[in-house]
C-alpha atoms as a PDB file:
ATOM      1  CA  UNK A   1     112.967 148.252  70.909  1.00  0.00           C
ATOM      2  CA  UNK A   2     114.494 147.348  74.302  1.00  0.00           C
ATOM      3  CA  UNK A   3     115.729 144.073  72.796  1.00  0.00           C
ATOM      4  CA  UNK A   4     117.377 145.869  69.912  1.00  0.00           C
ATOM      5  CA  UNK A   5     118.938 148.554  72.102  1.00  0.00           C
ATOM      6  CA  UNK A   6     120.304 146.055  74.618  1.00  0.00           C
ATOM      7  CA  UNK A   7     121.947 143.774  72.058  1.00  0.00           C
ATOM      8  CA  UNK A   8     123.253 146.392  69.618  1.00  0.00           C
ATOM      9  CA  UNK A   9     124.143 148.876  72.353  1.00  0.00           C
ATOM     10  CA  UNK A  10     126.062 146.378  74.466  1.00  0.00           C
ATOM     11  CA  UNK A  11     127.931 145.019  71.438  1.00  0.00           C
ATOM     12  CA  UNK A  12     128.770 148.569  70.318  1.00  0.00           C
ATOM     13  CA  UNK A  13     130.112 149.437  73.766  1.00  0.00           C
ATOM     14  CA  UNK A  14     132.182 146.245  74.017  1.00  0.00           C
ATOM     15  CA  UNK A  15     133.619 146.885  70.565  1.00  0.00           C
ATOM     16  CA  UNK A  16     134.710 150.390  71.576  1.00  0.00           C
ATOM     17  CA  UNK A  17     136.210 149.205  74.863  1.00  0.00           C
ATOM     18  CA  UNK A  18     138.281 146.379  73.394  1.00  0.00           C
ATOM     19  CA  UNK A  19     139.087 148.152  70.115  1.00  0.00           C
ATOM     20  CA  UNK A  20     142.221 150.089  71.071  1.00  0.00           C
ATOM     21  CA  UNK A  21     143.762 147.301  73.190  1.00  0.00           C
ATOM     22  CA  UNK A  22     143.332 144.845  70.310  1.00  0.00           C
ATOM     23  CA  UNK A  23     144.755 147.339  67.796  1.00  0.00           C
ATOM     24  CA  UNK A  24     147.743 147.907  70.095  1.00  0.00           C
ATOM     25  CA  UNK A  25     148.217 144.141  70.415  1.00  0.00           C
ATOM     26  CA  UNK A  26     148.048 143.679  66.639  1.00  0.00           C
ATOM     27  CA  UNK A  27     150.660 146.416  66.177  1.00  0.00           C
ATOM     28  CA  UNK A  28     152.886 144.811  68.795  1.00  0.00           C
ATOM     29  CA  UNK A  29     152.586 141.455  67.036  1.00  0.00           C
ATOM     30  CA  UNK A  30     153.549 143.093  63.745  1.00  0.00           C
ATOM     31  CA  UNK A  31     150.397 142.276  61.795  1.00  0.00           C
ATOM     32  CA  UNK A  32     150.878 145.112  59.309  1.00  0.00           C
ATOM     33  CA  UNK A  33     149.939 143.772  55.894  1.00  0.00           C
ATOM     34  CA  UNK A  34     151.540 144.320  52.516  1.00  0.00           C
ATOM     35  CA  UNK A  35     149.445 145.786  49.691  1.00  0.00           C
ATOM     36  CA  UNK A  36     149.248 144.078  46.308  1.00  0.00           C
ATOM     37  CA  UNK A  37     151.418 145.779  43.690  1.00  0.00           C
ATOM     38  CA  UNK A  38     148.478 145.883  41.247  1.00  0.00           C
ATOM     39  CA  UNK A  39     146.266 147.772  43.720  1.00  0.00           C
ATOM     40  CA  UNK A  40     145.536 151.470  43.018  1.00  0.00           C
ATOM     41  CA  UNK A  41     148.577 153.627  43.783  1.00  0.00           C
ATOM     42  CA  UNK A  42     147.005 155.436  46.729  1.00  0.00           C
ATOM     43  CA  UNK A  43     146.616 152.090  48.488  1.00  0.00           C
ATOM     44  CA  UNK A  44     150.376 151.681  48.757  1.00  0.00           C
ATOM     45  CA  UNK A  45     150.578 154.221  51.581  1.00  0.00           C
ATOM     46  CA  UNK A  46     148.246 151.986  53.612  1.00  0.00           C
ATOM     47  CA  UNK A  47     150.894 149.279  53.813  1.00  0.00           C
ATOM     48  CA  UNK A  48     151.603 148.365  57.417  1.00  0.00           C
ATOM     49  CA  UNK A  49     148.078 149.004  58.715  1.00  0.00           C
ATOM     50  CA  UNK A  50     147.320 146.247  61.263  1.00  0.00           C
ATOM     51  CA  UNK A  51     144.955 143.581  59.971  1.00  0.00           C
ATOM     52  CA  UNK A  52     142.956 140.859  61.747  1.00  0.00           C
ATOM     53  CA  UNK A  53     140.908 143.646  63.337  1.00  0.00           C
ATOM     54  CA  UNK A  54     137.826 141.532  62.683  1.00  0.00           C
ATOM     55  CA  UNK A  55     138.458 139.974  66.080  1.00  0.00           C
ATOM     56  CA  UNK A  56     137.140 143.223  67.590  1.00  0.00           C
ATOM     57  CA  UNK A  57     133.581 142.784  66.334  1.00  0.00           C
ATOM     58  CA  UNK A  58     133.708 138.998  66.491  1.00  0.00           C
ATOM     59  CA  UNK A  59     134.484 139.062  70.225  1.00  0.00           C
ATOM     60  CA  UNK A  60     132.034 141.904  70.906  1.00  0.00           C
ATOM     61  CA  UNK A  61     129.176 140.268  68.998  1.00  0.00           C
ATOM     62  CA  UNK A  62     129.783 136.894  70.636  1.00  0.00           C
ATOM     63  CA  UNK A  63     129.873 138.339  74.147  1.00  0.00           C
ATOM     64  CA  UNK A  64     126.741 140.418  73.600  1.00  0.00           C
ATOM     65  CA  UNK A  65     124.787 137.575  71.972  1.00  0.00           C
ATOM     66  CA  UNK A  66     125.675 135.053  74.672  1.00  0.00           C
ATOM     67  CA  UNK A  67     125.376 137.320  77.709  1.00  0.00           C
ATOM     68  CA  UNK A  68     122.849 140.070  77.020  1.00  0.00           C
ATOM     69  CA  UNK A  69     120.382 138.059  74.928  1.00  0.00           C
ATOM     70  CA  UNK A  70     119.348 136.369  78.193  1.00  0.00           C
ATOM     71  CA  UNK A  71     117.885 139.682  79.349  1.00  0.00           C
ATOM     72  CA  UNK A  72     115.609 140.002  76.308  1.00  0.00           C
ATOM     73  CA  UNK A  73     112.496 138.159  75.162  1.00  0.00           C
ATOM     74  CA  UNK A  74     114.294 136.993  72.012  1.00  0.00           C
ATOM     75  CA  UNK A  75     115.361 133.678  73.537  1.00  0.00           C
ATOM     76  CA  UNK A  76     112.680 131.559  71.912  1.00  0.00           C
ATOM     77  CA  UNK A  77     112.788 127.778  72.002  1.00  0.00           C
ATOM     78  CA  UNK A  78     114.758 127.666  68.750  1.00  0.00           C
ATOM     79  CA  UNK A  79     117.009 130.639  69.477  1.00  0.00           C
ATOM     80  CA  UNK A  80     119.909 128.641  71.019  1.00  0.00           C
ATOM     81  CA  UNK A  81     120.030 126.465  67.877  1.00  0.00           C
ATOM     82  CA  UNK A  82     120.137 129.469  65.569  1.00  0.00           C
ATOM     83  CA  UNK A  83     122.656 131.253  67.765  1.00  0.00           C
ATOM     84  CA  UNK A  84     124.948 128.234  67.893  1.00  0.00           C
ATOM     85  CA  UNK A  85     125.048 127.891  64.120  1.00  0.00           C
ATOM     86  CA  UNK A  86     125.433 131.606  63.593  1.00  0.00           C
ATOM     87  CA  UNK A  87     128.459 131.653  65.892  1.00  0.00           C
ATOM     88  CA  UNK A  88     129.733 128.497  64.202  1.00  0.00           C
ATOM     89  CA  UNK A  89     129.634 130.271  60.838  1.00  0.00           C
ATOM     90  CA  UNK A  90     131.215 133.454  62.154  1.00  0.00           C
ATOM     91  CA  UNK A  91     134.131 131.754  63.907  1.00  0.00           C
ATOM     92  CA  UNK A  92     134.489 128.882  61.419  1.00  0.00           C
ATOM     93  CA  UNK A  93     134.815 131.088  58.354  1.00  0.00           C
ATOM     94  CA  UNK A  94     136.700 133.656  60.424  1.00  0.00           C
ATOM     95  CA  UNK A  95     139.277 130.980  61.247  1.00  0.00           C
ATOM     96  CA  UNK A  96     139.852 130.360  57.533  1.00  0.00           C
ATOM     97  CA  UNK A  97     140.374 134.076  57.061  1.00  0.00           C
ATOM     98  CA  UNK A  98     142.763 134.114  60.024  1.00  0.00           C
ATOM     99  CA  UNK A  99     144.874 131.394  58.395  1.00  0.00           C
ATOM    100  CA  UNK A 100     144.976 133.444  55.188  1.00  0.00           C
ATOM    101  CA  UNK A 101     145.959 136.620  57.076  1.00  0.00           C
ATOM    102  CA  UNK A 102     148.600 134.774  59.087  1.00  0.00           C
ATOM    103  CA  UNK A 103     150.243 133.387  55.944  1.00  0.00           C
ATOM    104  CA  UNK A 104     150.432 136.890  54.466  1.00  0.00           C
ATOM    105  CA  UNK A 105     151.946 138.312  57.626  1.00  0.00           C
ATOM    106  CA  UNK A 106     154.503 135.603  58.317  1.00  0.00           C
ATOM    107  CA  UNK A 107     155.596 135.346  54.679  1.00  0.00           C
ATOM    108  CA  UNK A 108     155.639 139.142  54.349  1.00  0.00           C
ATOM    109  CA  UNK A 109     153.656 138.789  51.141  1.00  0.00           C
ATOM    110  CA  UNK A 110     150.232 139.936  49.845  1.00  0.00           C
ATOM    111  CA  UNK A 111     149.623 136.348  48.694  1.00  0.00           C
ATOM    112  CA  UNK A 112     147.823 134.256  51.273  1.00  0.00           C
ATOM    113  CA  UNK A 113     146.111 130.876  51.327  1.00  0.00           C
ATOM    114  CA  UNK A 114     145.859 129.406  47.790  1.00  0.00           C
ATOM    115  CA  UNK A 115     142.350 129.607  46.332  1.00  0.00           C
ATOM    116  CA  UNK A 116     141.843 125.848  46.104  1.00  0.00           C
ATOM    117  CA  UNK A 117     142.692 125.444  49.790  1.00  0.00           C
ATOM    118  CA  UNK A 118     140.394 128.314  50.723  1.00  0.00           C
ATOM    119  CA  UNK A 119     137.452 126.687  48.934  1.00  0.00           C
ATOM    120  CA  UNK A 120     138.297 123.287  50.413  1.00  0.00           C
ATOM    121  CA  UNK A 121     138.275 124.677  53.951  1.00  0.00           C
ATOM    122  CA  UNK A 122     135.082 126.629  53.274  1.00  0.00           C
ATOM    123  CA  UNK A 123     133.413 123.425  52.125  1.00  0.00           C
ATOM    124  CA  UNK A 124     134.661 121.733  55.287  1.00  0.00           C
ATOM    125  CA  UNK A 125     132.926 124.402  57.383  1.00  0.00           C
ATOM    126  CA  UNK A 126     129.770 124.398  55.234  1.00  0.00           C
ATOM    127  CA  UNK A 127     129.036 120.669  55.123  1.00  0.00           C
ATOM    128  CA  UNK A 128     128.193 120.170  58.831  1.00  0.00           C
ATOM    129  CA  UNK A 129     125.633 122.976  58.649  1.00  0.00           C
ATOM    130  CA  UNK A 130     124.054 121.507  55.509  1.00  0.00           C
ATOM    131  CA  UNK A 131     124.010 117.958  56.910  1.00  0.00           C
ATOM    132  CA  UNK A 132     122.265 119.050  60.127  1.00  0.00           C
ATOM    133  CA  UNK A 133     119.725 121.189  58.238  1.00  0.00           C
ATOM    134  CA  UNK A 134     119.384 118.914  55.208  1.00  0.00           C
ATOM    135  CA  UNK A 135     115.722 118.078  55.692  1.00  0.00           C
ATOM    136  CA  UNK A 136     114.471 121.325  57.199  1.00  0.00           C
ATOM    137  CA  UNK A 137     115.867 123.946  54.826  1.00  0.00           C
ATOM    138  CA  UNK A 138     113.320 125.806  52.723  1.00  0.00           C
ATOM    139  CA  UNK A 139     113.107 124.183  49.235  1.00  0.00           C
ATOM    140  CA  UNK A 140     114.937 126.613  46.967  1.00  0.00           C
ATOM    141  CA  UNK A 141     112.601 126.161  43.975  1.00  0.00           C
ATOM    142  CA  UNK A 142     109.395 125.658  45.917  1.00  0.00           C
ATOM    143  CA  UNK A 143     107.602 122.567  47.166  1.00  0.00           C
ATOM    144  CA  UNK A 144     108.759 119.413  45.441  1.00  0.00           C
ATOM    145  CA  UNK A 145     112.371 120.507  45.036  1.00  0.00           C
ATOM    146  CA  UNK A 146     114.603 117.489  45.776  1.00  0.00           C
ATOM    147  CA  UNK A 147     116.476 117.961  49.037  1.00  0.00           C
ATOM    148  CA  UNK A 148     119.764 117.207  47.267  1.00  0.00           C
ATOM    149  CA  UNK A 149     119.188 120.110  44.845  1.00  0.00           C
ATOM    150  CA  UNK A 150     118.349 122.502  47.679  1.00  0.00           C
ATOM    151  CA  UNK A 151     121.431 121.361  49.587  1.00  0.00           C
ATOM    152  CA  UNK A 152     123.731 122.009  46.611  1.00  0.00           C
ATOM    153  CA  UNK A 153     122.232 125.472  46.059  1.00  0.00           C
ATOM    154  CA  UNK A 154     122.730 126.346  49.719  1.00  0.00           C
ATOM    155  CA  UNK A 155     126.355 125.182  49.616  1.00  0.00           C
ATOM    156  CA  UNK A 156     126.998 127.429  46.619  1.00  0.00           C
ATOM    157  CA  UNK A 157     125.114 130.291  48.298  1.00  0.00           C
ATOM    158  CA  UNK A 158     127.110 130.101  51.539  1.00  0.00           C
ATOM    159  CA  UNK A 159     130.504 129.986  49.853  1.00  0.00           C
ATOM    160  CA  UNK A 160     129.451 132.602  47.319  1.00  0.00           C
ATOM    161  CA  UNK A 161     128.252 135.061  49.961  1.00  0.00           C
ATOM    162  CA  UNK A 162     131.351 134.593  52.130  1.00  0.00           C
ATOM    163  CA  UNK A 163     133.674 135.259  49.197  1.00  0.00           C
ATOM    164  CA  UNK A 164     131.558 138.156  47.907  1.00  0.00           C
ATOM    165  CA  UNK A 165     131.833 139.956  51.261  1.00  0.00           C
ATOM    166  CA  UNK A 166     135.559 139.247  51.212  1.00  0.00           C
ATOM    167  CA  UNK A 167     135.866 140.891  47.781  1.00  0.00           C
ATOM    168  CA  UNK A 168     134.038 143.975  49.052  1.00  0.00           C
ATOM    169  CA  UNK A 169     136.636 144.466  51.780  1.00  0.00           C
ATOM    170  CA  UNK A 170     138.886 146.653  49.678  1.00  0.00           C
ATOM    171  CA  UNK A 171     138.213 150.160  50.997  1.00  0.00           C
ATOM    172  CA  UNK A 172     138.122 151.505  54.544  1.00  0.00           C
ATOM    173  CA  UNK A 173     134.671 150.841  55.972  1.00  0.00           C
ATOM    174  CA  UNK A 174     133.091 149.505  52.796  1.00  0.00           C
ATOM    175  CA  UNK A 175     132.457 145.869  53.728  1.00  0.00           C
ATOM    176  CA  UNK A 176     131.678 146.602  57.377  1.00  0.00           C
ATOM    177  CA  UNK A 177     129.173 149.329  56.573  1.00  0.00           C
ATOM    178  CA  UNK A 178     127.501 147.512  53.672  1.00  0.00           C
ATOM    179  CA  UNK A 179     127.205 144.304  55.684  1.00  0.00           C
ATOM    180  CA  UNK A 180     125.680 146.187  58.615  1.00  0.00           C
ATOM    181  CA  UNK A 181     123.082 147.857  56.401  1.00  0.00           C
ATOM    182  CA  UNK A 182     122.192 144.553  54.755  1.00  0.00           C
ATOM    183  CA  UNK A 183     121.790 142.852  58.142  1.00  0.00           C
ATOM    184  CA  UNK A 184     119.555 145.717  59.297  1.00  0.00           C
ATOM    185  CA  UNK A 185     117.367 145.070  56.248  1.00  0.00           C
ATOM    186  CA  UNK A 186     117.005 141.446  57.292  1.00  0.00           C
ATOM    187  CA  UNK A 187     115.857 142.194  60.867  1.00  0.00           C
ATOM    188  CA  UNK A 188     112.132 142.762  60.041  1.00  0.00           C
ATOM    189  CA  UNK A 189     112.122 139.511  58.045  1.00  0.00           C
ATOM    190  CA  UNK A 190     113.752 137.602  60.877  1.00  0.00           C
ATOM    191  CA  UNK A 191     111.255 138.904  63.436  1.00  0.00           C
ATOM    192  CA  UNK A 192     108.417 137.575  61.278  1.00  0.00           C
ATOM    193  CA  UNK A 193     110.002 134.126  60.863  1.00  0.00           C
ATOM    194  CA  UNK A 194     111.262 133.753  64.466  1.00  0.00           C
ATOM    195  CA  UNK A 195     112.521 136.631  66.589  1.00  0.00           C
ATOM    196  CA  UNK A 196     115.214 134.367  68.018  1.00  0.00           C
ATOM    197  CA  UNK A 197     116.905 134.528  64.610  1.00  0.00           C
ATOM    198  CA  UNK A 198     117.724 138.194  65.191  1.00  0.00           C
ATOM    199  CA  UNK A 199     119.965 137.760  68.250  1.00  0.00           C
ATOM    200  CA  UNK A 200     123.337 137.395  66.529  1.00  0.00           C
ATOM    201  CA  UNK A 201     122.578 139.789  63.615  1.00  0.00           C
ATOM    202  CA  UNK A 202     121.555 142.494  66.113  1.00  0.00           C
ATOM    203  CA  UNK A 203     124.695 141.925  68.170  1.00  0.00           C
ATOM    204  CA  UNK A 204     126.887 141.937  65.061  1.00  0.00           C
ATOM    205  CA  UNK A 205     125.304 145.168  63.834  1.00  0.00           C
ATOM    206  CA  UNK A 206     126.271 146.958  67.038  1.00  0.00           C
ATOM    207  CA  UNK A 207     129.721 145.385  67.164  1.00  0.00           C
ATOM    208  CA  UNK A 208     130.499 146.277  63.551  1.00  0.00           C
ATOM    209  CA  UNK A 209     129.371 149.884  63.965  1.00  0.00           C
ATOM    210  CA  UNK A 210     131.764 150.087  66.914  1.00  0.00           C
ATOM    211  CA  UNK A 211     134.509 148.606  64.746  1.00  0.00           C
ATOM    212  CA  UNK A 212     133.837 151.214  62.042  1.00  0.00           C
ATOM    213  CA  UNK A 213     134.976 153.884  64.499  1.00  0.00           C
ATOM    214  CA  UNK A 214     138.467 152.441  63.994  1.00  0.00           C
ATOM    215  CA  UNK A 215     138.034 151.225  60.425  1.00  0.00           C
ATOM    216  CA  UNK A 216     136.553 154.253  58.661  1.00  0.00           C
ATOM    217  CA  UNK A 217     138.938 156.204  56.405  1.00  0.00           C
ATOM    218  CA  UNK A 218     141.722 156.630  57.291  1.00  0.00           C
ATOM    219  CA  UNK A 219     141.576 153.207  58.906  1.00  0.00           C
ATOM    220  CA  UNK A 220     143.539 152.538  62.079  1.00  0.00           C
ATOM    221  CA  UNK A 221     142.956 148.817  61.563  1.00  0.00           C
ATOM    222  CA  UNK A 222     141.695 146.480  58.846  1.00  0.00           C
ATOM    223  CA  UNK A 223     139.297 143.655  59.519  1.00  0.00           C
ATOM    224  CA  UNK A 224     141.396 141.377  57.294  1.00  0.00           C
ATOM    225  CA  UNK A 225     140.059 138.186  55.797  1.00  0.00           C
ATOM    226  CA  UNK A 226     139.495 137.134  59.406  1.00  0.00           C
ATOM    227  CA  UNK A 227     136.738 139.709  59.688  1.00  0.00           C
ATOM    228  CA  UNK A 228     135.332 139.707  56.164  1.00  0.00           C
ATOM    229  CA  UNK A 229     134.925 135.921  56.161  1.00  0.00           C
ATOM    230  CA  UNK A 230     133.240 136.097  59.561  1.00  0.00           C
ATOM    231  CA  UNK A 231     130.807 138.767  58.357  1.00  0.00           C
ATOM    232  CA  UNK A 232     130.066 136.751  55.241  1.00  0.00           C
ATOM    233  CA  UNK A 233     129.418 133.631  57.282  1.00  0.00           C
ATOM    234  CA  UNK A 234     126.802 135.326  59.475  1.00  0.00           C
ATOM    235  CA  UNK A 235     125.199 137.035  56.480  1.00  0.00           C
ATOM    236  CA  UNK A 236     124.947 133.721  54.623  1.00  0.00           C
ATOM    237  CA  UNK A 237     123.359 131.899  57.571  1.00  0.00           C
ATOM    238  CA  UNK A 238     121.001 134.834  58.140  1.00  0.00           C
ATOM    239  CA  UNK A 239     119.887 134.786  54.496  1.00  0.00           C
ATOM    240  CA  UNK A 240     119.229 131.040  54.688  1.00  0.00           C
ATOM    241  CA  UNK A 241     117.332 131.166  57.986  1.00  0.00           C
ATOM    242  CA  UNK A 242     115.156 133.972  56.617  1.00  0.00           C
ATOM    243  CA  UNK A 243     113.605 131.328  54.360  1.00  0.00           C
ATOM    244  CA  UNK A 244     114.125 133.426  51.223  1.00  0.00           C
ATOM    245  CA  UNK A 245     117.665 132.822  50.005  1.00  0.00           C
ATOM    246  CA  UNK A 246     116.912 134.239  46.560  1.00  0.00           C
ATOM    247  CA  UNK A 247     116.076 137.626  48.084  1.00  0.00           C
ATOM    248  CA  UNK A 248     119.773 137.989  48.884  1.00  0.00           C
ATOM    249  CA  UNK A 249     120.288 138.762  45.191  1.00  0.00           C
ATOM    250  CA  UNK A 250     118.327 141.936  45.902  1.00  0.00           C
ATOM    251  CA  UNK A 251     119.256 142.829  49.463  1.00  0.00           C
ATOM    252  CA  UNK A 252     122.892 141.855  49.015  1.00  0.00           C
ATOM    253  CA  UNK A 253     123.218 143.176  45.482  1.00  0.00           C
ATOM    254  CA  UNK A 254     126.285 145.258  46.336  1.00  0.00           C
ATOM    255  CA  UNK A 255     128.148 142.099  47.365  1.00  0.00           C
ATOM    256  CA  UNK A 256     126.705 140.153  44.446  1.00  0.00           C
ATOM    257  CA  UNK A 257     127.901 142.789  41.980  1.00  0.00           C
ATOM    258  CA  UNK A 258     131.357 142.940  43.564  1.00  0.00           C
ATOM    259  CA  UNK A 259     131.706 139.208  42.855  1.00  0.00           C
ATOM    260  CA  UNK A 260     129.998 139.398  39.454  1.00  0.00           C
ATOM    261  CA  UNK A 261     132.274 142.189  38.253  1.00  0.00           C
ATOM    262  CA  UNK A 262     135.321 140.095  39.133  1.00  0.00           C
ATOM    263  CA  UNK A 263     133.907 137.053  37.327  1.00  0.00           C
ATOM    264  CA  UNK A 264     133.098 139.126  34.223  1.00  0.00           C
ATOM    265  CA  UNK A 265     136.543 140.723  34.198  1.00  0.00           C
ATOM    266  CA  UNK A 266     138.390 137.432  34.613  1.00  0.00           C
ATOM    267  CA  UNK A 267     136.277 135.550  32.060  1.00  0.00           C
ATOM    268  CA  UNK A 268     136.469 138.268  29.411  1.00  0.00           C
ATOM    269  CA  UNK A 269     140.215 138.707  29.887  1.00  0.00           C
ATOM    270  CA  UNK A 270     140.827 134.978  29.435  1.00  0.00           C
ATOM    271  CA  UNK A 271     138.460 134.772  26.455  1.00  0.00           C
ATOM    272  CA  UNK A 272     140.017 137.713  24.583  1.00  0.00           C
ATOM    273  CA  UNK A 273     143.531 136.501  25.340  1.00  0.00           C
ATOM    274  CA  UNK A 274     142.705 133.086  23.905  1.00  0.00           C
ATOM    275  CA  UNK A 275     141.064 134.586  20.828  1.00  0.00           C
ATOM    276  CA  UNK A 276     143.375 137.507  20.064  1.00  0.00           C
ATOM    277  CA  UNK A 277     146.495 136.849  22.115  1.00  0.00           C
ATOM    278  CA  UNK A 278     145.905 140.019  24.130  1.00  0.00           C
ATOM    279  CA  UNK A 279     143.628 140.050  27.148  1.00  0.00           C
ATOM    280  CA  UNK A 280     141.105 142.883  27.322  1.00  0.00           C
ATOM    281  CA  UNK A 281     139.189 144.236  30.285  1.00  0.00           C
ATOM    282  CA  UNK A 282     135.593 145.336  30.760  1.00  0.00           C
ATOM    283  CA  UNK A 283     136.359 147.427  33.856  1.00  0.00           C
ATOM    284  CA  UNK A 284     139.450 149.445  34.747  1.00  0.00           C
ATOM    285  CA  UNK A 285     139.961 147.148  37.738  1.00  0.00           C
ATOM    286  CA  UNK A 286     137.909 144.751  39.812  1.00  0.00           C
ATOM    287  CA  UNK A 287     136.309 144.268  42.260  1.00  0.00           C
ATOM    288  CA  UNK A 288     134.119 147.088  40.974  1.00  0.00           C
ATOM    289  CA  UNK A 289     134.959 149.570  43.747  1.00  0.00           C
ATOM    290  CA  UNK A 290     138.495 149.784  42.317  1.00  0.00           C
ATOM    291  CA  UNK A 291     136.994 150.768  38.940  1.00  0.00           C
ATOM    292  CA  UNK A 292     135.528 153.888  40.559  1.00  0.00           C
ATOM    293  CA  UNK A 293     138.829 154.602  42.294  1.00  0.00           C
ATOM    294  CA  UNK A 294     140.611 154.659  38.941  1.00  0.00           C
ATOM    295  CA  UNK A 295     137.902 156.962  37.604  1.00  0.00           C
ATOM    296  CA  UNK A 296     139.098 159.445  40.212  1.00  0.00           C
ATOM    297  CA  UNK A 297     136.447 159.041  42.906  1.00  0.00           C
ATOM    298  CA  UNK A 298     137.635 159.588  46.472  1.00  0.00           C
ATOM    299  CA  UNK A 299     137.583 156.620  48.813  1.00  0.00           C
ATOM    300  CA  UNK A 300     134.973 158.213  51.076  1.00  0.00           C
ATOM    301  CA  UNK A 301     132.705 158.976  48.112  1.00  0.00           C
ATOM    302  CA  UNK A 302     132.807 155.377  46.898  1.00  0.00           C
ATOM    303  CA  UNK A 303     132.127 153.998  50.367  1.00  0.00           C
ATOM    304  CA  UNK A 304     129.186 156.317  50.981  1.00  0.00           C
ATOM    305  CA  UNK A 305     127.617 155.494  47.588  1.00  0.00           C
ATOM    306  CA  UNK A 306     128.054 151.780  48.186  1.00  0.00           C
ATOM    307  CA  UNK A 307     126.441 152.178  51.603  1.00  0.00           C
ATOM    308  CA  UNK A 308     123.597 154.105  49.996  1.00  0.00           C
ATOM    309  CA  UNK A 309     123.174 151.387  47.379  1.00  0.00           C
ATOM    310  CA  UNK A 310     123.075 148.778  50.150  1.00  0.00           C
ATOM    311  CA  UNK A 311     120.272 150.715  51.855  1.00  0.00           C
ATOM    312  CA  UNK A 312     118.301 151.065  48.615  1.00  0.00           C
ATOM    313  CA  UNK A 313     118.580 147.385  47.722  1.00  0.00           C
ATOM    314  CA  UNK A 314     117.869 146.405  51.332  1.00  0.00           C
ATOM    315  CA  UNK A 315     114.661 148.435  51.230  1.00  0.00           C
ATOM    316  CA  UNK A 316     113.748 146.881  47.892  1.00  0.00           C
ATOM    317  CA  UNK A 317     114.283 143.414  49.367  1.00  0.00           C
ATOM    318  CA  UNK A 318     111.870 144.217  52.208  1.00  0.00           C
ATOM    319  CA  UNK A 319     109.315 145.491  49.706  1.00  0.00           C
ATOM    320  CA  UNK A 320     109.506 142.279  47.697  1.00  0.00           C
ATOM    321  CA  UNK A 321     109.352 140.209  50.902  1.00  0.00           C
ATOM    322  CA  UNK A 322     106.139 141.953  51.977  1.00  0.00           C
ATOM    323  CA  UNK A 323     104.626 141.295  48.561  1.00  0.00           C
ATOM    324  CA  UNK A 324     105.356 137.559  48.576  1.00  0.00           C
ATOM    325  CA  UNK A 325     105.050 136.608  52.267  1.00  0.00           C
END
């Protein structure tokens, strides 16, 4: 418990201390972001809210993990390796998000980095991790799975998780809270595999909770793609290091369904437009949280229910893990 308190508590405190100065800096730099015209109408009044606030929890988590982990017994022989790659994922994918946010800000447009360039850069960040871990990653389909197959699945998983968390960042506090709850669900699994795996997730949990003080509705700052990509990167690496990547489909179901709803909507719209000349929709709007907005749910209600769902699916993931370990 002392390990958990030290890492999460220190990261939480750092996040609170640096939060307002960073928000003030972001306002001074004019990082207020435009809102897409197709977004729900009540989102339009959020235009101008500073983005790139993800730097708050990224800095806090990094400082806590690097400094305070030395005062715990979590620094196993493998911990520095795990910590290095976790930070690599957080800052590498966060950098891609920063580029996207910067384009939106400097072009004064809700359109950022083109999708093909986003995927290309994400692959560029993913490949070094896969190459280093190529022969030691858990076979995705059990013993005998060719390493090349496992590698391809892990590439898809990393990019998929990063983009799924990004899609969930559409309401104040939704992505930050859901990601925190999912990471909490992973902690018991990580302690069983190697307690050194838990250093960065524990630090990020505390840092993100501190960030939510500023990000909960009505948000004083948005994490931006800088933050959502960073969260997704750590979550992806955590899921892989847990040794049970498929369990993410349970524990991270909220993120999975956010992405799935968008894929269903896009595919069905294109299919019906090709067949009938008029595109039809399955949901009122995607990602799925916007569907509930258009049904008349308040933003806080949606966020709380998505957090609750994250807790339920996180608990279910732990149950399945204990059955198969």
